[in-house]
N, C-alpha and C. Protein backbone atom coordinates (compact mmCIF):
# COMPACT_ATOMS: atom_id res chain seq x y z
N MET A 1 0.75 -1.17 0.01
CA MET A 1 -0.32 0.06 -0.41
C MET A 1 0.73 1.05 0.06
N THR A 2 0.83 1.68 -1.39
CA THR A 2 1.45 3.05 -1.02
C THR A 2 0.56 4.36 -1.11
N GLN A 3 0.74 5.09 0.09
CA GLN A 3 0.16 6.05 0.76
C GLN A 3 0.81 7.61 0.07
N ARG A 4 0.59 8.41 -0.70
CA ARG A 4 1.42 9.40 -1.04
C ARG A 4 0.85 11.00 -0.12
N THR A 5 1.47 11.67 0.00
CA THR A 5 1.76 13.44 0.70
C THR A 5 0.42 14.07 -0.09
N ILE A 6 -0.81 14.21 0.92
CA ILE A 6 -1.40 14.91 0.24
C ILE A 6 -0.96 16.57 0.21
N LEU A 7 -1.39 17.14 -0.63
CA LEU A 7 -0.99 19.10 -1.07
C LEU A 7 -1.94 19.40 0.09
N LYS A 8 -1.45 20.73 0.99
CA LYS A 8 -2.70 21.78 1.40
C LYS A 8 -2.86 22.35 1.13
N MET A 9 -4.41 23.37 0.86
CA MET A 9 -4.24 24.26 0.38
C MET A 9 -3.43 25.40 0.71
N GLY A 10 -2.97 26.02 -0.41
CA GLY A 10 -1.82 27.32 -0.14
C GLY A 10 -0.45 26.99 -0.79
N ASP A 11 -0.40 25.30 -1.26
CA ASP A 11 0.39 24.38 -2.32
C ASP A 11 -0.09 25.36 -3.65
N PRO A 12 1.05 26.11 -4.34
CA PRO A 12 0.58 26.57 -5.64
C PRO A 12 -0.32 25.35 -6.67
N ARG A 13 0.57 24.50 -6.68
CA ARG A 13 0.42 22.89 -7.41
C ARG A 13 -1.17 22.70 -7.64
N LEU A 14 -1.69 22.90 -6.78
CA LEU A 14 -2.90 22.95 -6.45
C LEU A 14 -4.15 24.13 -7.19
N LEU A 15 -3.81 25.14 -7.72
CA LEU A 15 -3.92 26.50 -8.26
C LEU A 15 -3.82 25.86 -10.08
N ARG A 16 -3.06 24.74 -10.49
CA ARG A 16 -2.78 24.93 -12.20
C ARG A 16 -4.59 23.49 -12.56
N VAL A 17 -3.79 23.82 -13.63
CA VAL A 17 -4.80 23.12 -14.78
C VAL A 17 -3.86 21.72 -14.86
N ALA A 18 -4.71 20.88 -14.73
CA ALA A 18 -4.08 19.57 -15.36
C ALA A 18 -3.93 19.23 -16.61
N ARG A 19 -3.47 18.35 -16.60
CA ARG A 19 -3.44 18.19 -18.60
C ARG A 19 -3.75 16.84 -18.36
N PRO A 20 -4.70 16.40 -19.69
CA PRO A 20 -5.19 15.59 -20.13
C PRO A 20 -4.23 13.92 -20.31
N VAL A 21 -4.76 13.13 -19.86
CA VAL A 21 -3.81 11.53 -20.19
C VAL A 21 -4.16 11.42 -21.70
N THR A 22 -3.01 11.07 -22.10
CA THR A 22 -3.14 10.17 -23.76
C THR A 22 -3.04 8.85 -23.53
N GLU A 23 -2.28 8.23 -22.94
CA GLU A 23 -2.71 7.19 -23.28
C GLU A 23 -2.80 6.52 -21.30
N PHE A 24 -3.32 5.45 -22.13
CA PHE A 24 -4.72 4.56 -21.02
C PHE A 24 -3.37 3.45 -20.71
N ASP A 25 -4.61 2.86 -20.01
CA ASP A 25 -3.73 1.29 -19.99
C ASP A 25 -2.24 1.26 -19.82
N THR A 26 -1.30 2.12 -19.22
CA THR A 26 0.17 1.99 -18.83
C THR A 26 0.80 1.40 -17.33
N ASP A 27 1.70 1.11 -17.15
CA ASP A 27 1.59 0.91 -16.07
C ASP A 27 1.88 2.00 -14.99
N GLU A 28 2.97 3.58 -15.67
CA GLU A 28 2.62 4.41 -14.86
C GLU A 28 1.40 4.67 -14.63
N LEU A 29 -0.12 4.78 -15.47
CA LEU A 29 -0.97 4.91 -14.70
C LEU A 29 -1.95 3.75 -13.84
N ARG A 30 -1.55 2.56 -14.16
CA ARG A 30 -1.69 1.88 -12.93
C ARG A 30 -1.40 2.21 -11.32
N ALA A 31 0.37 2.53 -11.39
CA ALA A 31 0.61 2.57 -10.05
C ALA A 31 0.22 4.11 -10.07
N LEU A 32 -0.57 5.03 -10.77
CA LEU A 32 -0.93 6.40 -9.91
C LEU A 32 -1.96 6.08 -9.36
N LEU A 33 -2.75 5.17 -10.10
CA LEU A 33 -4.41 4.85 -9.94
C LEU A 33 -4.21 4.14 -8.02
N ALA A 34 -3.34 3.18 -7.71
CA ALA A 34 -3.77 2.35 -7.10
C ALA A 34 -2.35 3.35 -5.87
N ASP A 35 -2.12 4.51 -5.78
CA ASP A 35 -1.39 5.15 -5.61
C ASP A 35 -2.79 6.62 -4.86
N LEU A 36 -3.42 6.79 -5.38
CA LEU A 36 -4.29 7.49 -5.19
C LEU A 36 -5.37 6.61 -4.12
N LEU A 37 -6.06 5.58 -4.78
CA LEU A 37 -6.84 4.50 -3.93
C LEU A 37 -6.38 4.50 -2.86
N ASP A 38 -5.01 4.20 -2.59
CA ASP A 38 -4.72 3.68 -1.39
C ASP A 38 -4.56 4.71 -0.72
N THR A 39 -4.49 6.48 -1.13
CA THR A 39 -4.26 7.62 -0.21
C THR A 39 -5.67 7.37 0.21
N MET A 40 -6.62 7.78 -0.91
CA MET A 40 -8.16 8.05 -0.44
C MET A 40 -8.47 7.44 0.34
N GLN A 41 -8.24 6.30 0.63
CA GLN A 41 -8.71 4.72 1.42
C GLN A 41 -7.91 5.36 2.80
N ALA A 42 -6.87 5.04 3.10
CA ALA A 42 -6.09 5.75 3.93
C ALA A 42 -6.56 6.84 4.66
N ALA A 43 -6.91 7.81 4.40
CA ALA A 43 -7.34 9.29 4.67
C ALA A 43 -9.13 9.33 4.96
N ASN A 44 -9.86 8.51 4.54
CA ASN A 44 -11.07 8.16 4.80
C ASN A 44 -12.34 9.34 3.70
N GLY A 45 -11.11 9.40 2.65
CA GLY A 45 -11.43 10.50 1.44
C GLY A 45 -12.47 9.77 1.01
N ALA A 46 -13.93 10.91 0.10
CA ALA A 46 -14.96 10.85 -0.39
C ALA A 46 -14.40 10.42 -2.07
N GLY A 47 -13.11 11.21 -2.40
CA GLY A 47 -12.62 11.37 -3.26
C GLY A 47 -11.14 11.60 -3.56
N LEU A 48 -10.24 11.57 -4.40
CA LEU A 48 -8.75 11.83 -4.41
C LEU A 48 -8.70 12.43 -5.65
N ALA A 49 -8.11 13.67 -6.48
CA ALA A 49 -7.55 13.95 -7.42
C ALA A 49 -6.15 13.77 -7.84
N ALA A 50 -6.04 13.01 -8.29
CA ALA A 50 -3.90 13.42 -9.14
C ALA A 50 -3.54 14.38 -8.31
N PRO A 51 -3.88 15.81 -8.95
CA PRO A 51 -3.04 17.35 -8.88
C PRO A 51 -3.47 17.26 -7.17
N GLN A 52 -3.76 16.88 -5.94
CA GLN A 52 -3.57 16.53 -4.74
C GLN A 52 -2.69 15.47 -4.36
N ILE A 53 -1.93 15.13 -4.67
CA ILE A 53 -0.60 14.32 -4.35
C ILE A 53 0.61 14.95 -5.88
N GLY A 54 0.56 16.12 -6.25
CA GLY A 54 1.29 16.61 -6.89
C GLY A 54 0.99 16.21 -8.10
N VAL A 55 0.70 15.46 -8.88
CA VAL A 55 0.59 14.86 -10.33
C VAL A 55 -0.63 15.76 -11.47
N ASP A 56 -0.25 16.41 -11.96
CA ASP A 56 -0.82 17.39 -13.08
C ASP A 56 -1.09 16.73 -14.11
N LEU A 57 -2.07 15.64 -14.23
CA LEU A 57 -3.09 14.77 -14.65
C LEU A 57 -4.59 14.74 -14.46
N GLN A 58 -5.60 15.05 -15.80
CA GLN A 58 -6.80 14.83 -15.15
C GLN A 58 -7.31 13.14 -14.92
N VAL A 59 -7.18 13.56 -13.79
CA VAL A 59 -7.72 11.72 -13.30
C VAL A 59 -8.54 11.81 -11.36
N VAL A 60 -8.81 11.30 -11.32
CA VAL A 60 -9.84 11.12 -10.10
C VAL A 60 -10.30 9.79 -9.77
N VAL A 61 -10.03 9.76 -8.67
CA VAL A 61 -11.09 8.25 -8.21
C VAL A 61 -12.17 8.87 -7.08
N PHE A 62 -13.09 8.30 -6.32
CA PHE A 62 -13.48 8.79 -5.64
C PHE A 62 -15.00 7.23 -5.51
N GLY A 63 -15.35 7.46 -4.90
CA GLY A 63 -16.53 6.46 -3.70
C GLY A 63 -15.55 5.37 -3.14
N SER A 64 -16.54 4.33 -2.52
CA SER A 64 -15.92 3.05 -2.08
C SER A 64 -17.46 2.14 -2.20
N ASP A 65 -17.41 1.27 -1.04
CA ASP A 65 -17.88 0.08 -1.03
C ASP A 65 -18.50 -0.18 0.46
N ALA A 66 -18.37 0.82 1.20
CA ALA A 66 -18.63 1.41 2.58
C ALA A 66 -18.97 2.67 3.12
N PRO A 67 -20.10 2.74 4.06
CA PRO A 67 -20.24 4.36 4.38
C PRO A 67 -18.57 4.76 4.69
N ASN A 68 -18.95 5.97 4.64
CA ASN A 68 -17.37 6.85 5.25
C ASN A 68 -18.05 7.54 5.79
N PRO A 69 -16.88 7.37 7.26
CA PRO A 69 -16.66 7.76 8.22
C PRO A 69 -16.85 9.31 7.91
N ARG A 70 -16.08 10.05 7.62
CA ARG A 70 -16.39 11.22 7.36
C ARG A 70 -17.55 12.06 6.88
N TYR A 71 -18.52 11.04 6.11
CA TYR A 71 -20.15 11.41 6.17
C TYR A 71 -20.54 10.54 5.65
N PRO A 72 -21.20 10.16 7.06
CA PRO A 72 -22.05 9.00 7.81
C PRO A 72 -23.27 8.94 7.54
N ASP A 73 -23.69 9.62 6.57
CA ASP A 73 -25.32 9.88 6.69
C ASP A 73 -25.26 10.27 5.33
N ALA A 74 -24.01 10.07 4.23
CA ALA A 74 -24.20 10.25 3.13
C ALA A 74 -24.30 8.83 2.73
N PRO A 75 -25.27 8.41 1.22
CA PRO A 75 -25.34 7.29 0.40
C PRO A 75 -24.31 6.77 -0.29
N ILE A 76 -24.19 5.97 -0.17
CA ILE A 76 -22.76 5.21 -1.09
C ILE A 76 -22.82 5.51 -2.47
N VAL A 77 -21.64 6.37 -2.52
CA VAL A 77 -21.52 6.36 -4.26
C VAL A 77 -20.12 5.01 -5.18
N PRO A 78 -20.46 4.39 -5.86
CA PRO A 78 -19.34 3.29 -5.96
C PRO A 78 -18.69 4.26 -6.68
N ARG A 79 -17.25 2.87 -6.52
CA ARG A 79 -15.84 3.66 -6.88
C ARG A 79 -15.23 3.70 -7.79
N THR A 80 -15.22 4.90 -8.50
CA THR A 80 -14.87 4.97 -10.05
C THR A 80 -13.77 5.31 -10.12
N VAL A 81 -13.47 5.34 -10.97
CA VAL A 81 -11.76 5.82 -11.92
C VAL A 81 -12.49 6.38 -12.96
N LEU A 82 -12.05 8.16 -12.78
CA LEU A 82 -12.36 8.61 -14.33
C LEU A 82 -11.06 9.71 -14.51
N ILE A 83 -11.19 9.72 -15.85
CA ILE A 83 -9.99 10.10 -16.71
C ILE A 83 -10.25 10.75 -17.57
N ASN A 84 -10.44 12.13 -17.80
CA ASN A 84 -10.30 13.13 -18.60
C ASN A 84 -11.70 13.54 -18.65
N PRO A 85 -12.42 13.88 -17.44
CA PRO A 85 -13.66 13.77 -17.22
C PRO A 85 -14.28 15.19 -17.86
N MET A 86 -15.42 15.33 -17.98
CA MET A 86 -16.11 16.49 -18.25
C MET A 86 -17.61 16.13 -17.65
N VAL A 87 -18.04 17.15 -17.09
CA VAL A 87 -18.93 17.41 -15.96
C VAL A 87 -20.47 18.43 -16.97
N THR A 88 -21.43 18.16 -16.84
CA THR A 88 -22.29 18.79 -17.31
C THR A 88 -23.60 18.71 -16.56
N PRO A 89 -24.34 20.33 -15.92
CA PRO A 89 -25.15 20.21 -15.33
C PRO A 89 -26.30 20.11 -16.03
N MET A 90 -27.27 18.98 -15.15
CA MET A 90 -28.50 18.80 -16.46
C MET A 90 -29.39 19.72 -15.26
N GLY A 91 -30.22 20.78 -16.05
CA GLY A 91 -31.16 21.24 -15.23
C GLY A 91 -30.10 22.46 -14.66
N GLU A 92 -31.15 23.30 -13.69
CA GLU A 92 -30.69 24.44 -13.29
C GLU A 92 -30.66 24.71 -11.75
N GLU A 93 -31.40 23.26 -10.91
CA GLU A 93 -31.10 22.87 -9.66
C GLU A 93 -30.09 22.97 -8.91
N GLU A 94 -29.90 23.89 -8.38
CA GLU A 94 -28.48 23.79 -7.47
C GLU A 94 -29.14 23.43 -5.48
N GLN A 95 -28.26 22.72 -4.66
CA GLN A 95 -28.47 22.00 -3.82
C GLN A 95 -26.82 22.59 -2.87
N LEU A 96 -27.20 23.36 -1.95
CA LEU A 96 -25.99 23.53 -0.32
C LEU A 96 -25.94 22.95 0.18
N ASP A 97 -25.06 22.49 0.52
CA ASP A 97 -24.39 21.21 1.82
C ASP A 97 -23.29 21.36 1.66
N TRP A 98 -22.82 20.55 3.22
CA TRP A 98 -21.14 20.77 3.58
C TRP A 98 -20.65 20.29 3.00
N GLU A 99 -19.35 20.40 2.39
CA GLU A 99 -18.06 19.52 2.00
C GLU A 99 -16.75 19.67 2.76
N GLY A 100 -16.21 18.77 2.78
CA GLY A 100 -14.54 18.62 3.29
C GLY A 100 -13.62 18.50 1.96
N CYS A 101 -12.77 18.48 2.60
CA CYS A 101 -11.51 17.77 1.21
C CYS A 101 -9.75 17.78 2.38
N LEU A 102 -9.65 16.81 1.62
CA LEU A 102 -8.38 16.45 2.34
C LEU A 102 -7.35 17.28 2.51
N SER A 103 -7.23 18.27 1.26
CA SER A 103 -6.38 19.53 0.80
C SER A 103 -6.55 20.98 1.76
N VAL A 104 -7.84 20.22 2.48
CA VAL A 104 -8.33 21.80 4.10
C VAL A 104 -8.42 20.55 5.07
N PRO A 105 -7.76 20.56 5.50
CA PRO A 105 -7.86 19.41 6.30
C PRO A 105 -8.53 20.20 7.47
N GLY A 106 -9.53 19.54 7.98
CA GLY A 106 -9.54 19.91 9.43
C GLY A 106 -10.98 20.71 9.70
N MET A 107 -11.60 21.59 8.16
CA MET A 107 -12.66 22.53 7.88
C MET A 107 -13.49 22.15 7.13
N ARG A 108 -14.38 22.37 6.91
CA ARG A 108 -15.96 22.45 6.75
C ARG A 108 -16.66 24.14 6.26
N GLY A 109 -17.33 23.59 4.90
CA GLY A 109 -18.29 24.78 4.02
C GLY A 109 -19.10 24.38 3.89
N MET A 110 -20.07 25.14 3.77
CA MET A 110 -21.29 25.20 2.94
C MET A 110 -20.68 25.62 1.67
N VAL A 111 -21.70 24.82 0.24
CA VAL A 111 -21.09 25.10 -1.02
C VAL A 111 -21.88 24.35 -1.85
N PRO A 112 -22.35 25.81 -2.65
CA PRO A 112 -23.50 25.10 -3.70
C PRO A 112 -22.68 24.31 -4.96
N ARG A 113 -23.64 23.11 -5.04
CA ARG A 113 -23.41 22.44 -6.29
C ARG A 113 -24.52 22.34 -7.29
N TRP A 114 -24.52 21.75 -8.33
CA TRP A 114 -25.72 21.14 -9.14
C TRP A 114 -26.00 19.91 -8.86
N GLN A 115 -27.51 20.20 -8.44
CA GLN A 115 -28.17 19.44 -7.93
C GLN A 115 -27.80 17.32 -8.58
N THR A 116 -28.12 17.98 -10.62
CA THR A 116 -27.77 16.10 -11.04
C THR A 116 -27.09 16.81 -12.80
N VAL A 117 -25.73 16.07 -12.36
CA VAL A 117 -24.85 16.72 -13.49
C VAL A 117 -24.81 14.88 -14.30
N ARG A 118 -24.54 15.40 -15.43
CA ARG A 118 -23.62 14.00 -16.69
C ARG A 118 -22.00 14.47 -16.65
N TYR A 119 -21.31 13.26 -16.44
CA TYR A 119 -19.91 12.80 -15.99
C TYR A 119 -19.75 12.48 -17.41
N THR A 120 -19.04 12.23 -18.33
CA THR A 120 -18.01 11.40 -19.16
C THR A 120 -16.41 11.57 -18.75
N GLY A 121 -16.29 10.55 -19.14
CA GLY A 121 -14.38 10.62 -19.41
C GLY A 121 -14.11 9.04 -19.62
N PHE A 122 -13.23 8.55 -19.31
CA PHE A 122 -12.36 7.28 -19.29
C PHE A 122 -12.30 6.84 -18.39
N ASP A 123 -12.39 5.48 -18.04
CA ASP A 123 -11.36 4.45 -17.23
C ASP A 123 -10.44 4.58 -17.62
N MET A 124 -9.73 3.46 -16.41
CA MET A 124 -8.30 3.24 -17.26
C MET A 124 -7.62 2.60 -17.91
N ARG A 125 -8.70 1.99 -18.79
CA ARG A 125 -8.55 1.36 -20.01
C ARG A 125 -8.46 2.03 -21.45
N GLY A 126 -9.36 3.25 -20.90
CA GLY A 126 -9.83 4.26 -22.16
C GLY A 126 -11.11 3.94 -22.44
N ALA A 127 -12.19 2.92 -21.56
CA ALA A 127 -13.39 2.49 -21.98
C ALA A 127 -14.36 4.13 -21.38
N PRO A 128 -15.22 4.38 -22.46
CA PRO A 128 -15.71 5.27 -22.03
C PRO A 128 -16.29 5.04 -20.28
N ILE A 129 -16.45 6.32 -19.94
CA ILE A 129 -17.43 6.38 -19.23
C ILE A 129 -18.83 7.61 -19.59
N ASP A 130 -19.93 7.02 -19.36
CA ASP A 130 -21.18 8.16 -19.40
C ASP A 130 -22.39 7.96 -18.54
N ARG A 131 -22.09 8.49 -16.88
CA ARG A 131 -23.03 8.54 -16.26
C ARG A 131 -24.03 10.40 -15.85
N THR A 132 -25.42 9.86 -15.38
CA THR A 132 -26.04 10.94 -14.56
C THR A 132 -26.48 10.48 -13.46
N VAL A 133 -25.86 11.27 -12.69
CA VAL A 133 -26.04 11.30 -11.38
C VAL A 133 -26.80 12.11 -10.08
N SER A 134 -27.11 12.12 -8.93
CA SER A 134 -27.71 13.63 -8.61
C SER A 134 -27.39 13.43 -7.15
N GLY A 135 -27.27 14.80 -6.46
CA GLY A 135 -26.97 14.36 -4.38
C GLY A 135 -25.66 14.13 -4.49
N PHE A 136 -25.42 13.37 -3.49
CA PHE A 136 -23.76 13.23 -3.13
C PHE A 136 -23.12 12.82 -4.27
N HIS A 137 -23.51 12.11 -4.77
CA HIS A 137 -22.89 10.99 -6.06
C HIS A 137 -22.57 12.55 -7.02
N ALA A 138 -23.64 13.15 -7.11
CA ALA A 138 -23.03 13.66 -8.36
C ALA A 138 -22.31 15.64 -7.73
N ARG A 139 -22.27 15.59 -6.48
CA ARG A 139 -21.24 16.65 -5.69
C ARG A 139 -20.04 15.75 -5.62
N VAL A 140 -19.65 14.92 -4.91
CA VAL A 140 -18.08 14.13 -4.96
C VAL A 140 -17.44 14.31 -6.68
N VAL A 141 -18.47 13.97 -7.76
CA VAL A 141 -18.17 14.71 -8.68
C VAL A 141 -17.73 15.46 -8.82
N GLN A 142 -18.33 16.57 -8.87
CA GLN A 142 -17.93 18.27 -8.89
C GLN A 142 -16.76 18.47 -8.50
N HIS A 143 -16.52 18.16 -7.27
CA HIS A 143 -15.46 18.53 -6.09
C HIS A 143 -13.87 17.75 -6.72
N GLU A 144 -14.45 16.84 -7.35
CA GLU A 144 -13.10 15.88 -7.38
C GLU A 144 -12.67 16.54 -8.30
N CYS A 145 -13.33 16.37 -9.57
CA CYS A 145 -13.33 17.64 -10.97
C CYS A 145 -12.67 18.72 -10.96
N ASP A 146 -13.27 19.15 -9.96
CA ASP A 146 -12.66 21.18 -9.84
C ASP A 146 -11.46 21.04 -9.53
N HIS A 147 -10.42 19.63 -8.84
CA HIS A 147 -9.62 19.96 -8.63
C HIS A 147 -8.49 19.99 -9.53
N LEU A 148 -9.45 19.11 -10.92
CA LEU A 148 -8.29 19.11 -12.07
C LEU A 148 -8.45 20.49 -12.84
N TRP A 149 -9.12 21.67 -12.29
CA TRP A 149 -9.18 23.17 -12.63
C TRP A 149 -8.43 24.25 -12.00
N GLY A 150 -7.92 23.41 -10.85
CA GLY A 150 -7.11 24.49 -10.04
C GLY A 150 -8.05 25.12 -9.00
N MET A 151 -9.46 24.43 -8.89
CA MET A 151 -10.33 24.98 -7.77
C MET A 151 -10.14 24.26 -6.28
N LEU A 152 -10.90 25.07 -5.42
CA LEU A 152 -10.86 23.80 -4.25
C LEU A 152 -12.09 24.78 -3.58
N TYR A 153 -12.95 23.23 -3.28
CA TYR A 153 -14.44 24.25 -2.34
C TYR A 153 -14.64 26.05 -1.43
N PRO A 154 -13.53 26.10 -1.22
CA PRO A 154 -13.82 27.33 -0.98
C PRO A 154 -14.05 28.75 -2.18
N MET A 155 -13.63 28.51 -2.98
CA MET A 155 -13.65 29.45 -3.64
C MET A 155 -14.98 29.23 -4.63
N ARG A 156 -15.75 27.95 -4.34
CA ARG A 156 -17.08 28.57 -4.42
C ARG A 156 -18.06 28.92 -3.63
N MET A 157 -18.00 28.96 -2.39
CA MET A 157 -18.32 29.25 -1.61
C MET A 157 -18.71 30.77 -1.73
N ARG A 158 -20.31 31.07 -1.16
CA ARG A 158 -21.00 32.28 -1.45
C ARG A 158 -20.94 33.03 0.40
N ASP A 159 -21.26 32.31 1.25
CA ASP A 159 -21.11 33.03 2.06
C ASP A 159 -20.18 32.72 3.32
N PHE A 160 -19.30 32.94 4.09
CA PHE A 160 -18.14 32.51 4.38
C PHE A 160 -18.35 32.40 6.05
N THR A 161 -19.68 32.85 6.77
CA THR A 161 -20.46 32.49 7.56
C THR A 161 -20.52 31.18 8.17
N ARG A 162 -20.78 30.39 6.87
CA ARG A 162 -20.47 29.37 6.65
C ARG A 162 -19.80 27.76 6.73
N PHE A 163 -18.90 28.63 7.10
CA PHE A 163 -17.57 27.77 6.86
C PHE A 163 -16.32 28.05 8.22
N GLY A 164 -16.33 26.59 9.11
CA GLY A 164 -15.09 26.55 10.25
C GLY A 164 -14.63 25.06 10.03
N PHE A 165 -13.91 25.16 11.04
CA PHE A 165 -13.40 23.85 11.48
C PHE A 165 -14.36 22.76 12.21
N THR A 166 -14.55 21.71 11.36
CA THR A 166 -15.30 20.57 11.56
C THR A 166 -15.32 20.12 13.21
N GLU A 167 -14.39 20.41 13.61
CA GLU A 167 -14.64 19.85 15.37
C GLU A 167 -15.63 21.30 15.83
N VAL A 168 -15.66 22.15 15.05
CA VAL A 168 -16.82 22.91 16.17
C VAL A 168 -17.93 23.10 15.87
N LEU A 169 -18.25 23.05 14.31
CA LEU A 169 -19.45 22.68 13.49
C LEU A 169 -20.07 21.70 13.90
N PHE A 170 -19.24 20.32 13.75
CA PHE A 170 -19.73 19.53 14.03
C PHE A 170 -19.11 18.47 14.95
N PRO A 171 -19.70 18.89 16.47
CA PRO A 171 -18.59 18.18 17.22
C PRO A 171 -18.91 16.49 18.17
N ASN A 172 -20.41 16.20 17.41
CA ASN A 172 -19.93 14.67 17.20
C ASN A 172 -19.15 13.89 16.03
N LEU A 173 -18.72 14.16 15.22
CA LEU A 173 -17.98 13.70 13.84
C LEU A 173 -16.59 13.49 14.64
N ASP A 174 -16.40 12.54 14.47
CA ASP A 174 -14.99 12.24 14.95
C ASP A 174 -13.58 13.12 14.17
N ALA A 175 -12.76 14.05 14.99
CA ALA A 175 -12.40 15.26 13.83
C ALA A 175 -10.48 14.40 13.56
N THR A 176 -10.68 13.71 14.06
CA THR A 176 -8.79 12.68 13.98
C THR A 176 -9.61 12.31 12.06
N GLU A 177 -11.02 12.14 12.05
CA GLU A 177 -11.17 11.13 10.86
C GLU A 177 -11.39 12.33 9.38
N ASP A 178 -11.16 13.79 9.93
CA ASP A 178 -11.80 14.80 9.21
C ASP A 178 -10.40 14.99 8.67
N SER A 179 -9.46 14.70 7.59
CA SER A 179 -8.42 15.43 6.87
C SER A 179 -8.85 16.00 5.54
């Protein structure tokens, strides 16, 4: 199991636009995906983007097979590898909800996201992915894909009175699991 260091807000590498992947099913891509999945799992993340570990490629992983301790009330999102994604809002409806981020450890903020999105891209082998999702699944996809465009969730917030430390906002949530 290879855990990589997760970059934190303030690191300029998190603000870059990632490059598209041009070769699929390579040893390098398999190693990157293994590192992303291991790092995400070790940190109890809902997702992780390659730029968060300093890799400037359009690669995200998200989801799990069991409830996430950082989001205990959220539905399970299927484990997904998504490469060179495109995210398209389906309709005008937005949803406000709390988000955290492994690159903004110990904090949460109320973030507006599209309620329903269609996302397309490719899996590790280059096979196309095309899904339309709503709710928490849509939120996770939008959050992770934002990392590919140099965006962190506080940049999307509209009300900074709804931004703070997880241990203060959610005292019953185990703060050691929120990084």
